[in-house]
Amino acid sequence: MSFRNERIAKTSGLPNGLYWGIYFGNEREGAWKIDIWAMNKDECQQRIAYCHNLLKKISDHDRLKILEIKSKCWKDPLYRRSYSSSDIYSAVLDQGIENFDEFRSLLNKIL
């Protein structure tokens, strides 16, 4: 388990709150990881709105592209450290990325 106080750290793109990452074994070997956040009501409402907007925006075809990319990224040591699932969603939904190879090319340009 790991803990971060994002009220102090203020990492770009993360909620202003308290974070616990709970690992059930080695995540790079396929174990589950659960994120738990504690945040104020306004921050929570913003995050819920983001999820609702994402749900409206994503098609079944986009969902498959995202899952294909994520299935190849989760073992990458840079995943969750230099880029996150939000970057994958944005690449597919906002930049028209179609597959893992295109996503990797995009990452090589920005990392």
C-alpha atoms as a PDB file:
ATOM      1  CA  MET A   1       0.000   0.000   0.000  1.00  0.00           C
ATOM      2  CA  SER A   2       1.205   3.512  -0.741  1.00  0.00           C
ATOM      3  CA  PHE A   3      -0.056   6.886   0.481  1.00  0.00           C
ATOM      4  CA  ARG A   4       0.280  10.407  -0.926  1.00  0.00           C
ATOM      5  CA  ASN A   5      -1.059  13.673   0.409  1.00  0.00           C
ATOM      6  CA  GLU A   6      -1.984  15.435  -2.824  1.00  0.00           C
ATOM      7  CA  ARG A   7      -3.211  18.438  -0.837  1.00  0.00           C
ATOM      8  CA  ILE A   8       0.503  19.133  -0.340  1.00  0.00           C
ATOM      9  CA  ALA A   9       2.092  17.499  -3.419  1.00  0.00           C
ATOM     10  CA  LYS A  10      -0.428  19.009  -5.881  1.00  0.00           C
ATOM     11  CA  THR A  11       0.585  16.707  -8.744  1.00  0.00           C
ATOM     12  CA  SER A  12      -0.755  18.048 -12.039  1.00  0.00           C
ATOM     13  CA  GLY A  13      -3.861  16.179 -13.207  1.00  0.00           C
ATOM     14  CA  LEU A  14      -4.545  14.517  -9.853  1.00  0.00           C
ATOM     15  CA  PRO A  15      -7.295  15.410  -7.396  1.00  0.00           C
ATOM     16  CA  ASN A  16      -6.586  17.664  -4.446  1.00  0.00           C
ATOM     17  CA  GLY A  17      -6.967  15.068  -1.729  1.00  0.00           C
ATOM     18  CA  LEU A  18      -5.541  12.057   0.043  1.00  0.00           C
ATOM     19  CA  TYR A  19      -4.582   8.999  -2.005  1.00  0.00           C
ATOM     20  CA  TRP A  20      -4.077   5.372  -1.079  1.00  0.00           C
ATOM     21  CA  GLY A  21      -2.879   2.873  -3.695  1.00  0.00           C
ATOM     22  CA  ILE A  22      -3.543  -0.691  -2.628  1.00  0.00           C
ATOM     23  CA  TYR A  23      -1.703  -3.477  -4.432  1.00  0.00           C
ATOM     24  CA  PHE A  24      -2.762  -7.112  -4.270  1.00  0.00           C
ATOM     25  CA  GLY A  25       0.559  -8.627  -5.324  1.00  0.00           C
ATOM     26  CA  ASN A  26       2.848  -7.396  -8.085  1.00  0.00           C
ATOM     27  CA  GLU A  27       0.819  -5.253 -10.481  1.00  0.00           C
ATOM     28  CA  ARG A  28       3.383  -5.873 -13.260  1.00  0.00           C
ATOM     29  CA  GLU A  29       2.483  -9.563 -13.044  1.00  0.00           C
ATOM     30  CA  GLY A  30      -1.253  -8.969 -13.340  1.00  0.00           C
ATOM     31  CA  ALA A  31      -2.255  -8.338  -9.723  1.00  0.00           C
ATOM     32  CA  TRP A  32      -5.081  -5.954  -8.957  1.00  0.00           C
ATOM     33  CA  LYS A  33      -4.475  -2.371  -7.889  1.00  0.00           C
ATOM     34  CA  ILE A  34      -7.162  -0.276  -6.245  1.00  0.00           C
ATOM     35  CA  ASP A  35      -7.039   3.511  -5.907  1.00  0.00           C
ATOM     36  CA  ILE A  36      -8.835   5.146  -2.985  1.00  0.00           C
ATOM     37  CA  TRP A  37      -9.234   8.908  -2.780  1.00  0.00           C
ATOM     38  CA  ALA A  38     -10.501  11.146  -0.008  1.00  0.00           C
ATOM     39  CA  MET A  39     -11.378  14.649  -1.219  1.00  0.00           C
ATOM     40  CA  ASN A  40     -13.738  17.493  -0.521  1.00  0.00           C
ATOM     41  CA  LYS A  41     -17.241  17.626  -1.968  1.00  0.00           C
ATOM     42  CA  ASP A  42     -16.421  20.078  -4.772  1.00  0.00           C
ATOM     43  CA  GLU A  43     -13.415  18.058  -5.957  1.00  0.00           C
ATOM     44  CA  CYS A  44     -15.494  14.873  -5.808  1.00  0.00           C
ATOM     45  CA  GLN A  45     -18.281  16.437  -7.898  1.00  0.00           C
ATOM     46  CA  GLN A  46     -15.721  17.556 -10.505  1.00  0.00           C
ATOM     47  CA  ARG A  47     -14.302  14.026 -10.727  1.00  0.00           C
ATOM     48  CA  ILE A  48     -17.756  12.469 -11.006  1.00  0.00           C
ATOM     49  CA  ALA A  49     -18.638  14.956 -13.775  1.00  0.00           C
ATOM     50  CA  TYR A  50     -15.422  13.981 -15.596  1.00  0.00           C
ATOM     51  CA  CYS A  51     -16.445  10.305 -15.429  1.00  0.00           C
ATOM     52  CA  HIS A  52     -19.964  11.072 -16.694  1.00  0.00           C
ATOM     53  CA  ASN A  53     -18.558  13.120 -19.600  1.00  0.00           C
ATOM     54  CA  LEU A  54     -16.116  10.347 -20.441  1.00  0.00           C
ATOM     55  CA  LEU A  55     -18.940   7.818 -20.458  1.00  0.00           C
ATOM     56  CA  LYS A  56     -20.969   9.980 -22.872  1.00  0.00           C
ATOM     57  CA  LYS A  57     -17.977  10.512 -25.139  1.00  0.00           C
ATOM     58  CA  ILE A  58     -16.695   6.958 -25.447  1.00  0.00           C
ATOM     59  CA  SER A  59     -18.057   4.568 -28.068  1.00  0.00           C
ATOM     60  CA  ASP A  60     -17.795   0.791 -28.019  1.00  0.00           C
ATOM     61  CA  HIS A  61     -15.136   1.059 -30.749  1.00  0.00           C
ATOM     62  CA  ASP A  62     -13.146   3.593 -28.710  1.00  0.00           C
ATOM     63  CA  ARG A  63     -13.447   1.392 -25.625  1.00  0.00           C
ATOM     64  CA  LEU A  64     -11.870  -1.519 -27.512  1.00  0.00           C
ATOM     65  CA  LYS A  65      -8.993   0.685 -28.720  1.00  0.00           C
ATOM     66  CA  ILE A  66      -8.384   1.942 -25.183  1.00  0.00           C
ATOM     67  CA  LEU A  67      -8.413  -1.576 -23.747  1.00  0.00           C
ATOM     68  CA  GLU A  68      -6.040  -2.803 -26.455  1.00  0.00           C
ATOM     69  CA  ILE A  69      -3.593  -0.001 -25.659  1.00  0.00           C
ATOM     70  CA  LYS A  70      -3.909  -0.417 -21.893  1.00  0.00           C
ATOM     71  CA  SER A  71      -3.374  -4.187 -22.193  1.00  0.00           C
ATOM     72  CA  LYS A  72       0.041  -3.454 -23.710  1.00  0.00           C
ATOM     73  CA  CYS A  73       0.967  -0.591 -21.366  1.00  0.00           C
ATOM     74  CA  TRP A  74       0.263  -1.992 -17.921  1.00  0.00           C
ATOM     75  CA  LYS A  75       3.612  -3.812 -17.720  1.00  0.00           C
ATOM     76  CA  ASP A  76       5.567  -0.752 -18.873  1.00  0.00           C
ATOM     77  CA  PRO A  77       7.583   0.655 -15.921  1.00  0.00           C
ATOM     78  CA  LEU A  78       6.759   4.187 -17.136  1.00  0.00           C
ATOM     79  CA  TYR A  79       3.007   3.533 -16.898  1.00  0.00           C
ATOM     80  CA  ARG A  80       1.549   5.394 -13.907  1.00  0.00           C
ATOM     81  CA  ARG A  81       4.882   7.208 -13.463  1.00  0.00           C
ATOM     82  CA  SER A  82       5.331   9.152 -16.703  1.00  0.00           C
ATOM     83  CA  TYR A  83       1.909   8.609 -18.253  1.00  0.00           C
ATOM     84  CA  SER A  84      -1.454   7.313 -17.099  1.00  0.00           C
ATOM     85  CA  SER A  85      -4.729   5.893 -18.303  1.00  0.00           C
ATOM     86  CA  SER A  86      -5.969   9.486 -18.700  1.00  0.00           C
ATOM     87  CA  ASP A  87      -3.300   9.977 -21.345  1.00  0.00           C
ATOM     88  CA  ILE A  88      -4.551   6.890 -23.163  1.00  0.00           C
ATOM     89  CA  TYR A  89      -8.173   8.125 -23.041  1.00  0.00           C
ATOM     90  CA  SER A  90      -7.119  11.534 -24.324  1.00  0.00           C
ATOM     91  CA  ALA A  91      -4.994  10.047 -27.102  1.00  0.00           C
ATOM     92  CA  VAL A  92      -7.868   7.922 -28.397  1.00  0.00           C
ATOM     93  CA  LEU A  93     -10.769  10.297 -27.812  1.00  0.00           C
ATOM     94  CA  ASP A  94      -9.159  13.671 -28.506  1.00  0.00           C
ATOM     95  CA  GLN A  95      -6.253  12.907 -30.827  1.00  0.00           C
ATOM     96  CA  GLY A  96      -7.645  10.031 -32.885  1.00  0.00           C
ATOM     97  CA  ILE A  97      -5.027   7.455 -31.888  1.00  0.00           C
ATOM     98  CA  GLU A  98      -6.104   4.065 -33.247  1.00  0.00           C
ATOM     99  CA  ASN A  99      -3.708   1.500 -31.766  1.00  0.00           C
ATOM    100  CA  PHE A 100      -0.754   0.806 -29.490  1.00  0.00           C
ATOM    101  CA  ASP A 101       1.888   1.607 -32.118  1.00  0.00           C
ATOM    102  CA  GLU A 102       0.390   5.052 -32.725  1.00  0.00           C
ATOM    103  CA  PHE A 103       0.138   5.622 -28.987  1.00  0.00           C
ATOM    104  CA  ARG A 104       3.787   4.610 -28.484  1.00  0.00           C
ATOM    105  CA  SER A 105       4.829   7.057 -31.249  1.00  0.00           C
ATOM    106  CA  LEU A 106       2.864   9.804 -29.512  1.00  0.00           C
ATOM    107  CA  LEU A 107       4.516   8.984 -26.180  1.00  0.00           C
ATOM    108  CA  ASN A 108       7.979   9.080 -27.760  1.00  0.00           C
ATOM    109  CA  LYS A 109       7.267  12.651 -28.893  1.00  0.00           C
ATOM    110  CA  ILE A 110       6.051  13.897 -25.500  1.00  0.00           C
ATOM    111  CA  LEU A 111       8.196  11.959 -22.997  1.00  0.00           C
END
